[in-house]
Amino acid sequence: MTDQTPDSPPRPQYGEYATPEEQRARIRQPDATTLAASAGPAVQLEPTPPAVVPGRASAPAATAERRPRPYDRIITFALLAYGLVNVVTSIPALVDYGAYTDTVFRLLGVDVELSDPAAGRPWGIAAAIILAVGWAITAALSLWSLRRGRLTWWIPLVGGIVFTFACGSLMLVPLMSDPAVWDVLVGSVR
């Protein structure tokens, strides 16, 4: 005799109404009532571990995957510290644009002076601000990524490259727009 009424839907036998998780669990673990009935009344069933879905990491594996890596933290903080020292020592040089260009020209071996050294000061200040804000953004992203347990050492490296390039580009604008510099550079090429 069955416990169904004529109005009720048929009782599922093969997991038709089960959720996908329940179906996967049943496929991997046989029905406990069937095992108990076939083994007899003296058998105690042990709880089975949760089923592992292929292609997905189980909860303990995902947690182990996101554990902080000590070498990653060390490299990340070392790169951030190096970047901070670079920013702090670069800001005075960037703000004093006349001294900056004298150093650049001396390194290039070019004997030239800017037509208007004061015109480069706003560009130097903008470059210093970009460098400082870039370091702050890089540090914030690195700390956010470290808290999430992700691999982070590349963030300060990429941030340093991007913001140093942006700062260098800003510092070149007044140099490339100065006619005295162009005369010397074009004259040295001939």
Foldseek 3Di string as FASTA:
>chain_A
DDPDDPPDDDDDDQQPPPDPQVNQQCVVDPDPVVVDVVVDVVDDDDDDDRDDDPPDDDPVVVVVQLAADVVLVVLQVVLLVVLVVVLVVCLVLLQQLQNVVVVVCVVVVFPFHFPDSVVLNVLSNVLSVLSVVLSVVLVVVQVVCSVRSHRRNVSSVVSVVVSVVVSVVSSCVSLVPTVRNVVRVVVVVD
